[in-house]
Amino acid sequence: MQIFPLCGHIPRLTYYRYFVHHEQFFQYESIQKEWLIFAVEAGSFYFEIEDCHATASFGDLVLCPPGVVFRRVVISPVSLFVLRMVWMDDEGHIIHPDQHGSIPVGKVSLHDTDRLMDIYAAFKRYSPLNERWSKVSRSHTLHHLWLLYCEEINLLLNDDRIQPADHLIQQAVKLIQSKAFERFSLHAVAQEIGLSRMQLCRRFQGVLGISPMKYLTSLRLEKAKRLLTETNLNLDQISECCGYLNGFYLSRVFKSNFQMTPMQYRKEHRL
C-alpha cells in the first residue's frame, strides 16, 4: 500500500450510500470509473485490490482507484458508507488519473475513533438522497474524513521523538502502521528500509524507547479493544481484523498485556 498522501488533494463527492447490517455485497467484484471509498462503521469484510488484500473493520477505510478490479466478501454483517469521488487540486482543477500516485490504495486505519464516529454521525444526519443541502453537507463531511486521515499522517511526520536524521525509523514507523493489521514480518520491514532486523530493533528502541514488536502489538491491541467494545465480532474474527493468526493467540497476547482476557475486557468496558 502507498503511504505518502498528497494532503493537498481535495475529494469531491459524486455518490453516497449508507448500508446497514448487510450480510453480503450486491457484487463480488466491480470496476469503477471514479475513486471509491468503503468506510466501515461496523462488521467486517475481506477485499482484494490489485496486490492489496486484507480484512477491514471499524476504523478502516478501503480506497480503490478507478479502472481497477475491486473484490470483496462480507465476513460479518457490515454497516458502511460507500463514497465515490473525483480528486481536485487546491485550485479546484480535477486531477488526472496519472497524477493519483500518492493517494493511498487499499486499507488505511484511523486511530481517532471519537472523531471518526462524529463524522459518521454527520453523514447519517444528511442521509436523504437527491436533496441539494444534503449533498453539500455530505461533501463537507467527506472533507472532514480526509482531513482526519491527513492530520494523523502529519502527526506521524512531525513526531518530535523522530529527528530528521532518523528518517529510516520514520519510514519504518509508517510501514508498520500501514501493515499492522495484516500478517507480515519485521524482517521484511527492515529489508525494505535497508537495515538488518537487529539494526532496526536497536535503532527503533533508541529513537522511540520501545521495540518495533511492542509498537506493533500496541497498535493491534488498541484496535482489538475497540472491536471488543464496539462490535459483536467473535474472538477469531477480531484476531483476523488485527493481524493475528487466531483468537487463541490474540487472547494470550491480550492477557499478557492487560492481565485479563478479551472477553473479560468486553464485559467490563461495553456500555
C-alpha atoms as a PDB file:
ATOM      1  CA  MET A   1       0.000   0.000   0.000  1.00  0.00           C
ATOM      2  CA  GLN A   2       1.193   3.516  -0.783  1.00  0.00           C
ATOM      3  CA  ILE A   3       1.528   5.605   2.373  1.00  0.00           C
ATOM      4  CA  PHE A   4       2.601   9.088   1.311  1.00  0.00           C
ATOM      5  CA  PRO A   5      -0.612  11.026   0.601  1.00  0.00           C
ATOM      6  CA  LEU A   6      -0.743  14.409  -1.079  1.00  0.00           C
ATOM      7  CA  CYS A   7      -2.988  16.005   1.521  1.00  0.00           C
ATOM      8  CA  GLY A   8      -3.402  18.978  -0.815  1.00  0.00           C
ATOM      9  CA  HIS A   9      -5.713  16.751  -2.869  1.00  0.00           C
ATOM     10  CA  ILE A  10      -9.373  17.614  -2.245  1.00  0.00           C
ATOM     11  CA  PRO A  11     -12.110  14.982  -2.706  1.00  0.00           C
ATOM     12  CA  ARG A  12     -15.342  15.971  -4.440  1.00  0.00           C
ATOM     13  CA  LEU A  13     -18.211  13.624  -3.628  1.00  0.00           C
ATOM     14  CA  THR A  14     -20.204  12.299  -6.593  1.00  0.00           C
ATOM     15  CA  TYR A  15     -22.126   9.425  -4.956  1.00  0.00           C
ATOM     16  CA  TYR A  16     -23.136   8.458  -1.421  1.00  0.00           C
ATOM     17  CA  ARG A  17     -24.933   5.452   0.078  1.00  0.00           C
ATOM     18  CA  TYR A  18     -25.180   4.103   3.604  1.00  0.00           C
ATOM     19  CA  PHE A  19     -25.695   0.357   4.031  1.00  0.00           C
ATOM     20  CA  VAL A  20     -26.776  -1.148   7.355  1.00  0.00           C
ATOM     21  CA  HIS A  21     -26.045  -4.678   8.558  1.00  0.00           C
ATOM     22  CA  HIS A  22     -25.582  -6.229   5.129  1.00  0.00           C
ATOM     23  CA  GLU A  23     -24.762  -9.935   5.059  1.00  0.00           C
ATOM     24  CA  GLN A  24     -23.420  -9.848   1.513  1.00  0.00           C
ATOM     25  CA  PHE A  25     -22.437  -7.337  -1.152  1.00  0.00           C
ATOM     26  CA  PHE A  26     -24.553  -6.858  -4.259  1.00  0.00           C
ATOM     27  CA  GLN A  27     -21.467  -7.582  -6.346  1.00  0.00           C
ATOM     28  CA  TYR A  28     -18.437  -9.750  -5.645  1.00  0.00           C
ATOM     29  CA  GLU A  29     -16.296  -7.612  -7.936  1.00  0.00           C
ATOM     30  CA  SER A  30     -16.583  -4.355  -9.842  1.00  0.00           C
ATOM     31  CA  ILE A  31     -14.551  -1.777 -11.737  1.00  0.00           C
ATOM     32  CA  GLN A  32     -15.445   1.861 -11.082  1.00  0.00           C
ATOM     33  CA  LYS A  33     -14.892   4.922 -13.266  1.00  0.00           C
ATOM     34  CA  GLU A  34     -14.172   7.030 -10.160  1.00  0.00           C
ATOM     35  CA  TRP A  35     -12.364   6.648  -6.856  1.00  0.00           C
ATOM     36  CA  LEU A  36     -14.288   4.597  -4.319  1.00  0.00           C
ATOM     37  CA  ILE A  37     -14.126   4.536  -0.516  1.00  0.00           C
ATOM     38  CA  PHE A  38     -15.743   1.934   1.727  1.00  0.00           C
ATOM     39  CA  ALA A  39     -15.803   3.417   5.249  1.00  0.00           C
ATOM     40  CA  VAL A  40     -16.636   0.706   7.779  1.00  0.00           C
ATOM     41  CA  GLU A  41     -18.884   1.573  10.708  1.00  0.00           C
ATOM     42  CA  ALA A  42     -19.478  -1.982  11.981  1.00  0.00           C
ATOM     43  CA  GLY A  43     -18.835  -5.574  10.954  1.00  0.00           C
ATOM     44  CA  SER A  44     -16.021  -6.650   8.671  1.00  0.00           C
ATOM     45  CA  PHE A  45     -15.240  -7.712   5.102  1.00  0.00           C
ATOM     46  CA  TYR A  46     -12.343  -9.156   3.125  1.00  0.00           C
ATOM     47  CA  PHE A  47     -11.174  -7.346  -0.030  1.00  0.00           C
ATOM     48  CA  GLU A  48      -8.678  -7.547  -2.867  1.00  0.00           C
ATOM     49  CA  ILE A  49      -7.467  -4.511  -4.860  1.00  0.00           C
ATOM     50  CA  GLU A  50      -4.540  -5.196  -7.199  1.00  0.00           C
ATOM     51  CA  ASP A  51      -1.869  -6.705  -4.905  1.00  0.00           C
ATOM     52  CA  CYS A  52      -3.598  -5.438  -1.727  1.00  0.00           C
ATOM     53  CA  HIS A  53      -5.687  -7.928   0.241  1.00  0.00           C
ATOM     54  CA  ALA A  54      -6.820  -7.576   3.840  1.00  0.00           C
ATOM     55  CA  THR A  55      -9.763  -7.538   6.216  1.00  0.00           C
ATOM     56  CA  ALA A  56     -11.429  -4.211   7.003  1.00  0.00           C
ATOM     57  CA  SER A  57     -13.472  -3.403  10.103  1.00  0.00           C
ATOM     58  CA  PHE A  58     -14.424  -0.383  12.213  1.00  0.00           C
ATOM     59  CA  GLY A  59     -11.809   2.342  11.939  1.00  0.00           C
ATOM     60  CA  ASP A  60     -10.735   1.283   8.444  1.00  0.00           C
ATOM     61  CA  LEU A  61     -11.182   2.987   5.097  1.00  0.00           C
ATOM     62  CA  VAL A  62     -10.717   0.983   1.897  1.00  0.00           C
ATOM     63  CA  LEU A  63      -9.742   3.121  -1.111  1.00  0.00           C
ATOM     64  CA  CYS A  64      -9.992   1.796  -4.651  1.00  0.00           C
ATOM     65  CA  PRO A  65      -8.809   3.813  -7.697  1.00  0.00           C
ATOM     66  CA  PRO A  66     -10.728   3.929 -10.995  1.00  0.00           C
ATOM     67  CA  GLY A  67     -10.226   1.240 -13.595  1.00  0.00           C
ATOM     68  CA  VAL A  68      -9.120  -1.404 -11.062  1.00  0.00           C
ATOM     69  CA  VAL A  69     -10.871  -4.638 -10.099  1.00  0.00           C
ATOM     70  CA  PHE A  70     -12.268  -4.424  -6.542  1.00  0.00           C
ATOM     71  CA  ARG A  71     -13.302  -7.770  -4.997  1.00  0.00           C
ATOM     72  CA  ARG A  72     -14.997  -8.016  -1.594  1.00  0.00           C
ATOM     73  CA  VAL A  73     -16.757 -10.560   0.610  1.00  0.00           C
ATOM     74  CA  VAL A  74     -18.609  -9.915   3.877  1.00  0.00           C
ATOM     75  CA  ILE A  75     -17.130 -11.689   6.900  1.00  0.00           C
ATOM     76  CA  SER A  76     -19.621 -10.466   9.498  1.00  0.00           C
ATOM     77  CA  PRO A  77     -22.736  -8.325   8.784  1.00  0.00           C
ATOM     78  CA  VAL A  78     -21.337  -4.987   7.760  1.00  0.00           C
ATOM     79  CA  SER A  79     -22.549  -1.395   8.035  1.00  0.00           C
ATOM     80  CA  LEU A  80     -20.598   1.018   5.863  1.00  0.00           C
ATOM     81  CA  PHE A  81     -20.607   4.205   3.846  1.00  0.00           C
ATOM     82  CA  VAL A  82     -19.935   3.889   0.112  1.00  0.00           C
ATOM     83  CA  LEU A  83     -18.449   7.081  -1.310  1.00  0.00           C
ATOM     84  CA  ARG A  84     -17.488   7.793  -4.910  1.00  0.00           C
ATOM     85  CA  MET A  85     -15.454  10.861  -5.732  1.00  0.00           C
ATOM     86  CA  VAL A  86     -13.093  12.698  -8.016  1.00  0.00           C
ATOM     87  CA  TRP A  87      -9.952  14.419  -6.758  1.00  0.00           C
ATOM     88  CA  MET A  88      -9.181  18.085  -7.255  1.00  0.00           C
ATOM     89  CA  ASP A  89      -6.085  20.169  -6.600  1.00  0.00           C
ATOM     90  CA  ASP A  90      -6.130  23.181  -4.294  1.00  0.00           C
ATOM     91  CA  GLU A  91      -7.167  25.390  -7.220  1.00  0.00           C
ATOM     92  CA  GLY A  92     -10.250  23.294  -7.961  1.00  0.00           C
ATOM     93  CA  HIS A  93      -8.946  21.508 -11.073  1.00  0.00           C
ATOM     94  CA  ILE A  94      -9.770  17.821 -11.448  1.00  0.00           C
ATOM     95  CA  ILE A  95      -6.628  15.716 -11.092  1.00  0.00           C
ATOM     96  CA  HIS A  96      -5.819  13.394 -13.990  1.00  0.00           C
ATOM     97  CA  PRO A  97      -5.697   9.671 -13.056  1.00  0.00           C
ATOM     98  CA  ASP A  98      -1.962   9.589 -13.833  1.00  0.00           C
ATOM     99  CA  GLN A  99      -1.412  12.107 -11.004  1.00  0.00           C
ATOM    100  CA  HIS A 100      -3.062   9.970  -8.316  1.00  0.00           C
ATOM    101  CA  GLY A 101       0.192   8.217  -7.419  1.00  0.00           C
ATOM    102  CA  SER A 102       0.472   9.493  -3.860  1.00  0.00           C
ATOM    103  CA  ILE A 103      -3.132   8.795  -2.773  1.00  0.00           C
ATOM    104  CA  PRO A 104      -3.242   5.605  -0.682  1.00  0.00           C
ATOM    105  CA  VAL A 105      -4.690   2.458  -2.254  1.00  0.00           C
ATOM    106  CA  GLY A 106      -6.134  -0.337  -0.133  1.00  0.00           C
ATOM    107  CA  LYS A 107      -6.765  -0.112   3.602  1.00  0.00           C
ATOM    108  CA  VAL A 108      -5.890   2.788   5.875  1.00  0.00           C
ATOM    109  CA  SER A 109      -6.721   2.690   9.583  1.00  0.00           C
ATOM    110  CA  LEU A 110      -7.809   5.752  11.553  1.00  0.00           C
ATOM    111  CA  HIS A 111      -6.938   5.920  15.240  1.00  0.00           C
ATOM    112  CA  ASP A 112      -9.056   8.848  16.489  1.00  0.00           C
ATOM    113  CA  THR A 113     -12.270   6.845  16.657  1.00  0.00           C
ATOM    114  CA  ASP A 114     -14.156   9.522  18.609  1.00  0.00           C
ATOM    115  CA  ARG A 115     -13.764  11.972  15.716  1.00  0.00           C
ATOM    116  CA  LEU A 116     -14.477   9.209  13.236  1.00  0.00           C
ATOM    117  CA  MET A 117     -17.776   8.382  14.948  1.00  0.00           C
ATOM    118  CA  ASP A 118     -18.729  12.076  14.856  1.00  0.00           C
ATOM    119  CA  ILE A 119     -18.014  12.118  11.115  1.00  0.00           C
ATOM    120  CA  TYR A 120     -20.133   9.005  10.564  1.00  0.00           C
ATOM    121  CA  ALA A 121     -22.961  10.549  12.604  1.00  0.00           C
ATOM    122  CA  ALA A 122     -22.770  13.649  10.398  1.00  0.00           C
ATOM    123  CA  PHE A 123     -23.033  11.525   7.236  1.00  0.00           C
ATOM    124  CA  LYS A 124     -26.202   9.919   8.599  1.00  0.00           C
ATOM    125  CA  ARG A 125     -27.750  13.260   9.559  1.00  0.00           C
ATOM    126  CA  TYR A 126     -27.644  14.224   5.898  1.00  0.00           C
ATOM    127  CA  SER A 127     -28.985  10.936   4.562  1.00  0.00           C
ATOM    128  CA  PRO A 128     -31.849  11.973   2.195  1.00  0.00           C
ATOM    129  CA  LEU A 129     -30.769  11.429  -1.400  1.00  0.00           C
ATOM    130  CA  ASN A 130     -31.060  13.981  -4.214  1.00  0.00           C
ATOM    131  CA  GLU A 131     -31.540  16.924  -1.876  1.00  0.00           C
ATOM    132  CA  ARG A 132     -29.143  19.769  -2.567  1.00  0.00           C
ATOM    133  CA  TRP A 133     -28.365  20.776   1.015  1.00  0.00           C
ATOM    134  CA  SER A 134     -27.694  17.153   1.966  1.00  0.00           C
ATOM    135  CA  LYS A 135     -25.318  16.788  -0.962  1.00  0.00           C
ATOM    136  CA  VAL A 136     -23.384  19.903   0.046  1.00  0.00           C
ATOM    137  CA  SER A 137     -23.251  18.791   3.699  1.00  0.00           C
ATOM    138  CA  ARG A 138     -22.105  15.272   2.845  1.00  0.00           C
ATOM    139  CA  SER A 139     -19.372  16.705   0.633  1.00  0.00           C
ATOM    140  CA  HIS A 140     -18.098  18.815   3.540  1.00  0.00           C
ATOM    141  CA  THR A 141     -18.259  15.735   5.774  1.00  0.00           C
ATOM    142  CA  LEU A 142     -16.099  13.817   3.293  1.00  0.00           C
ATOM    143  CA  HIS A 143     -13.562  16.666   3.521  1.00  0.00           C
ATOM    144  CA  HIS A 144     -13.530  16.204   7.317  1.00  0.00           C
ATOM    145  CA  LEU A 145     -12.906  12.476   6.865  1.00  0.00           C
ATOM    146  CA  TRP A 146      -9.973  13.107   4.519  1.00  0.00           C
ATOM    147  CA  LEU A 147      -8.651  15.830   6.827  1.00  0.00           C
ATOM    148  CA  LEU A 148      -8.676  13.389   9.765  1.00  0.00           C
ATOM    149  CA  TYR A 149      -6.532  10.973   7.756  1.00  0.00           C
ATOM    150  CA  CYS A 150      -4.142  13.746   6.680  1.00  0.00           C
ATOM    151  CA  GLU A 151      -3.823  15.049  10.248  1.00  0.00           C
ATOM    152  CA  GLU A 152      -2.949  11.589  11.559  1.00  0.00           C
ATOM    153  CA  ILE A 153      -0.284  11.180   8.873  1.00  0.00           C
ATOM    154  CA  ASN A 154       1.131  14.645   9.621  1.00  0.00           C
ATOM    155  CA  LEU A 155       1.258  13.903  13.355  1.00  0.00           C
ATOM    156  CA  LEU A 156       3.491  10.982  12.496  1.00  0.00           C
ATOM    157  CA  LEU A 157       5.669  13.054  10.177  1.00  0.00           C
ATOM    158  CA  ASN A 158       6.051  15.768  12.839  1.00  0.00           C
ATOM    159  CA  ASP A 159       6.559  13.416  15.797  1.00  0.00           C
ATOM    160  CA  ASP A 160       9.220  15.281  17.817  1.00  0.00           C
ATOM    161  CA  ARG A 161      10.638  11.952  19.025  1.00  0.00           C
ATOM    162  CA  ILE A 162      11.846  11.256  15.479  1.00  0.00           C
ATOM    163  CA  GLN A 163      14.601  13.639  14.447  1.00  0.00           C
ATOM    164  CA  PRO A 164      15.273  14.392  10.758  1.00  0.00           C
ATOM    165  CA  ALA A 165      18.415  12.244  10.897  1.00  0.00           C
ATOM    166  CA  ASP A 166      16.231   9.240  11.790  1.00  0.00           C
ATOM    167  CA  HIS A 167      14.341   9.197   8.512  1.00  0.00           C
ATOM    168  CA  LEU A 168      14.767   5.416   8.282  1.00  0.00           C
ATOM    169  CA  ILE A 169      12.930   4.937  11.584  1.00  0.00           C
ATOM    170  CA  GLN A 170      10.242   7.355  10.452  1.00  0.00           C
ATOM    171  CA  GLN A 171       9.857   5.215   7.362  1.00  0.00           C
ATOM    172  CA  ALA A 172       9.769   2.056   9.496  1.00  0.00           C
ATOM    173  CA  VAL A 173       7.003   3.511  11.686  1.00  0.00           C
ATOM    174  CA  LYS A 174       4.894   4.313   8.632  1.00  0.00           C
ATOM    175  CA  LEU A 175       5.446   0.850   7.181  1.00  0.00           C
ATOM    176  CA  ILE A 176       4.471  -0.816  10.459  1.00  0.00           C
ATOM    177  CA  GLN A 177       1.351   1.351  10.706  1.00  0.00           C
ATOM    178  CA  SER A 178       0.320   0.524   7.149  1.00  0.00           C
ATOM    179  CA  LYS A 179       0.824  -3.234   7.634  1.00  0.00           C
ATOM    180  CA  ALA A 180      -0.145  -3.501  11.326  1.00  0.00           C
ATOM    181  CA  PHE A 181      -3.418  -5.358  10.792  1.00  0.00           C
ATOM    182  CA  GLU A 182      -2.053  -7.823   8.258  1.00  0.00           C
ATOM    183  CA  ARG A 183       0.359 -10.701   8.759  1.00  0.00           C
ATOM    184  CA  PHE A 184       3.870  -9.537   7.981  1.00  0.00           C
ATOM    185  CA  SER A 185       7.373  -9.832   9.359  1.00  0.00           C
ATOM    186  CA  LEU A 186       9.576  -7.141  10.855  1.00  0.00           C
ATOM    187  CA  HIS A 187      12.383  -8.703   8.827  1.00  0.00           C
ATOM    188  CA  ALA A 188      10.540  -7.580   5.664  1.00  0.00           C
ATOM    189  CA  VAL A 189      10.245  -4.034   7.077  1.00  0.00           C
ATOM    190  CA  ALA A 190      13.950  -3.997   7.897  1.00  0.00           C
ATOM    191  CA  GLN A 191      14.808  -5.209   4.392  1.00  0.00           C
ATOM    192  CA  GLU A 192      12.610  -2.537   2.787  1.00  0.00           C
ATOM    193  CA  ILE A 193      14.494   0.285   4.542  1.00  0.00           C
ATOM    194  CA  GLY A 194      17.920  -1.298   4.080  1.00  0.00           C
ATOM    195  CA  LEU A 195      18.639  -2.488   7.631  1.00  0.00           C
ATOM    196  CA  SER A 196      19.045  -5.863   9.273  1.00  0.00           C
ATOM    197  CA  ARG A 197      16.359  -6.845  11.775  1.00  0.00           C
ATOM    198  CA  MET A 198      18.837  -6.370  14.635  1.00  0.00           C
ATOM    199  CA  GLN A 199      19.778  -2.891  13.380  1.00  0.00           C
ATOM    200  CA  LEU A 200      16.091  -1.990  13.057  1.00  0.00           C
ATOM    201  CA  CYS A 201      15.320  -3.123  16.615  1.00  0.00           C
ATOM    202  CA  ARG A 202      18.310  -1.336  18.134  1.00  0.00           C
ATOM    203  CA  ARG A 203      17.726   1.907  16.235  1.00  0.00           C
ATOM    204  CA  PHE A 204      13.940   1.870  16.778  1.00  0.00           C
ATOM    205  CA  GLN A 205      14.410   1.341  20.528  1.00  0.00           C
ATOM    206  CA  GLY A 206      16.961   4.133  20.693  1.00  0.00           C
ATOM    207  CA  VAL A 207      14.696   6.651  18.952  1.00  0.00           C
ATOM    208  CA  LEU A 208      11.265   5.786  20.356  1.00  0.00           C
ATOM    209  CA  GLY A 209      12.124   3.977  23.571  1.00  0.00           C
ATOM    210  CA  ILE A 210      10.110   0.932  22.515  1.00  0.00           C
ATOM    211  CA  SER A 211      10.883  -2.098  20.371  1.00  0.00           C
ATOM    212  CA  PRO A 212       9.233  -2.386  16.943  1.00  0.00           C
ATOM    213  CA  MET A 213       7.404  -5.534  18.080  1.00  0.00           C
ATOM    214  CA  LYS A 214       5.960  -3.789  21.141  1.00  0.00           C
ATOM    215  CA  TYR A 215       4.938  -0.855  18.957  1.00  0.00           C
ATOM    216  CA  LEU A 216       3.192  -3.231  16.537  1.00  0.00           C
ATOM    217  CA  THR A 217       1.499  -5.039  19.429  1.00  0.00           C
ATOM    218  CA  SER A 218       0.221  -1.751  20.874  1.00  0.00           C
ATOM    219  CA  LEU A 219      -1.429  -0.858  17.542  1.00  0.00           C
ATOM    220  CA  ARG A 220      -3.058  -4.261  17.253  1.00  0.00           C
ATOM    221  CA  LEU A 221      -4.311  -4.372  20.828  1.00  0.00           C
ATOM    222  CA  GLU A 222      -5.790  -0.869  20.630  1.00  0.00           C
ATOM    223  CA  LYS A 223      -7.807  -1.994  17.628  1.00  0.00           C
ATOM    224  CA  ALA A 224      -8.764  -5.223  19.413  1.00  0.00           C
ATOM    225  CA  LYS A 225     -10.084  -3.200  22.365  1.00  0.00           C
ATOM    226  CA  ARG A 226     -12.205  -1.041  20.049  1.00  0.00           C
ATOM    227  CA  LEU A 227     -13.635  -4.086  18.297  1.00  0.00           C
ATOM    228  CA  LEU A 228     -14.397  -5.786  21.612  1.00  0.00           C
ATOM    229  CA  THR A 229     -16.387  -2.805  22.885  1.00  0.00           C
ATOM    230  CA  GLU A 230     -17.912  -1.501  19.641  1.00  0.00           C
ATOM    231  CA  THR A 231     -18.790  -4.658  17.647  1.00  0.00           C
ATOM    232  CA  ASN A 232     -20.277  -8.120  18.119  1.00  0.00           C
ATOM    233  CA  LEU A 233     -17.387  -9.871  16.356  1.00  0.00           C
ATOM    234  CA  ASN A 234     -16.182 -13.080  17.973  1.00  0.00           C
ATOM    235  CA  LEU A 235     -12.564 -13.527  19.006  1.00  0.00           C
ATOM    236  CA  ASP A 236     -11.446 -15.298  15.825  1.00  0.00           C
ATOM    237  CA  GLN A 237     -12.979 -12.555  13.689  1.00  0.00           C
ATOM    238  CA  ILE A 238     -11.301  -9.863  15.798  1.00  0.00           C
ATOM    239  CA  SER A 239      -7.965 -11.625  15.550  1.00  0.00           C
ATOM    240  CA  GLU A 240      -8.312 -11.670  11.749  1.00  0.00           C
ATOM    241  CA  CYS A 241      -9.037  -7.913  11.758  1.00  0.00           C
ATOM    242  CA  CYS A 242      -5.997  -7.223  13.933  1.00  0.00           C
ATOM    243  CA  GLY A 243      -3.410  -9.314  12.105  1.00  0.00           C
ATOM    244  CA  TYR A 244      -3.254 -12.290  14.493  1.00  0.00           C
ATOM    245  CA  LEU A 245      -3.358 -15.920  13.429  1.00  0.00           C
ATOM    246  CA  ASN A 246      -6.343 -16.887  15.594  1.00  0.00           C
ATOM    247  CA  GLY A 247      -8.356 -15.963  18.668  1.00  0.00           C
ATOM    248  CA  PHE A 248      -6.307 -18.198  20.945  1.00  0.00           C
ATOM    249  CA  TYR A 249      -3.084 -16.319  20.145  1.00  0.00           C
ATOM    250  CA  LEU A 250      -4.792 -12.936  20.455  1.00  0.00           C
ATOM    251  CA  SER A 251      -6.146 -13.975  23.857  1.00  0.00           C
ATOM    252  CA  ARG A 252      -2.650 -14.876  25.073  1.00  0.00           C
ATOM    253  CA  VAL A 253      -1.170 -11.562  23.937  1.00  0.00           C
ATOM    254  CA  PHE A 254      -4.132  -9.604  25.325  1.00  0.00           C
ATOM    255  CA  LYS A 255      -3.965 -11.246  28.754  1.00  0.00           C
ATOM    256  CA  SER A 256      -0.189 -10.784  28.914  1.00  0.00           C
ATOM    257  CA  ASN A 257      -0.594  -7.038  28.356  1.00  0.00           C
ATOM    258  CA  PHE A 258      -3.797  -6.242  30.253  1.00  0.00           C
ATOM    259  CA  GLN A 259      -3.996  -9.008  32.887  1.00  0.00           C
ATOM    260  CA  MET A 260      -7.463 -10.014  31.720  1.00  0.00           C
ATOM    261  CA  THR A 261      -8.925 -11.989  28.841  1.00  0.00           C
ATOM    262  CA  PRO A 262     -10.531 -10.251  25.870  1.00  0.00           C
ATOM    263  CA  MET A 263     -13.959 -11.457  26.956  1.00  0.00           C
ATOM    264  CA  GLN A 264     -13.435 -10.076  30.456  1.00  0.00           C
ATOM    265  CA  TYR A 265     -12.433  -6.753  28.882  1.00  0.00           C
ATOM    266  CA  ARG A 266     -15.572  -6.748  26.703  1.00  0.00           C
ATOM    267  CA  LYS A 267     -17.787  -7.445  29.713  1.00  0.00           C
ATOM    268  CA  GLU A 268     -16.235  -4.682  31.836  1.00  0.00           C
ATOM    269  CA  HIS A 269     -15.987  -1.946  29.198  1.00  0.00           C
ATOM    270  CA  ARG A 270     -19.021  -2.408  26.998  1.00  0.00           C
ATOM    271  CA  LEU A 271     -21.845   0.075  27.502  1.00  0.00           C
END
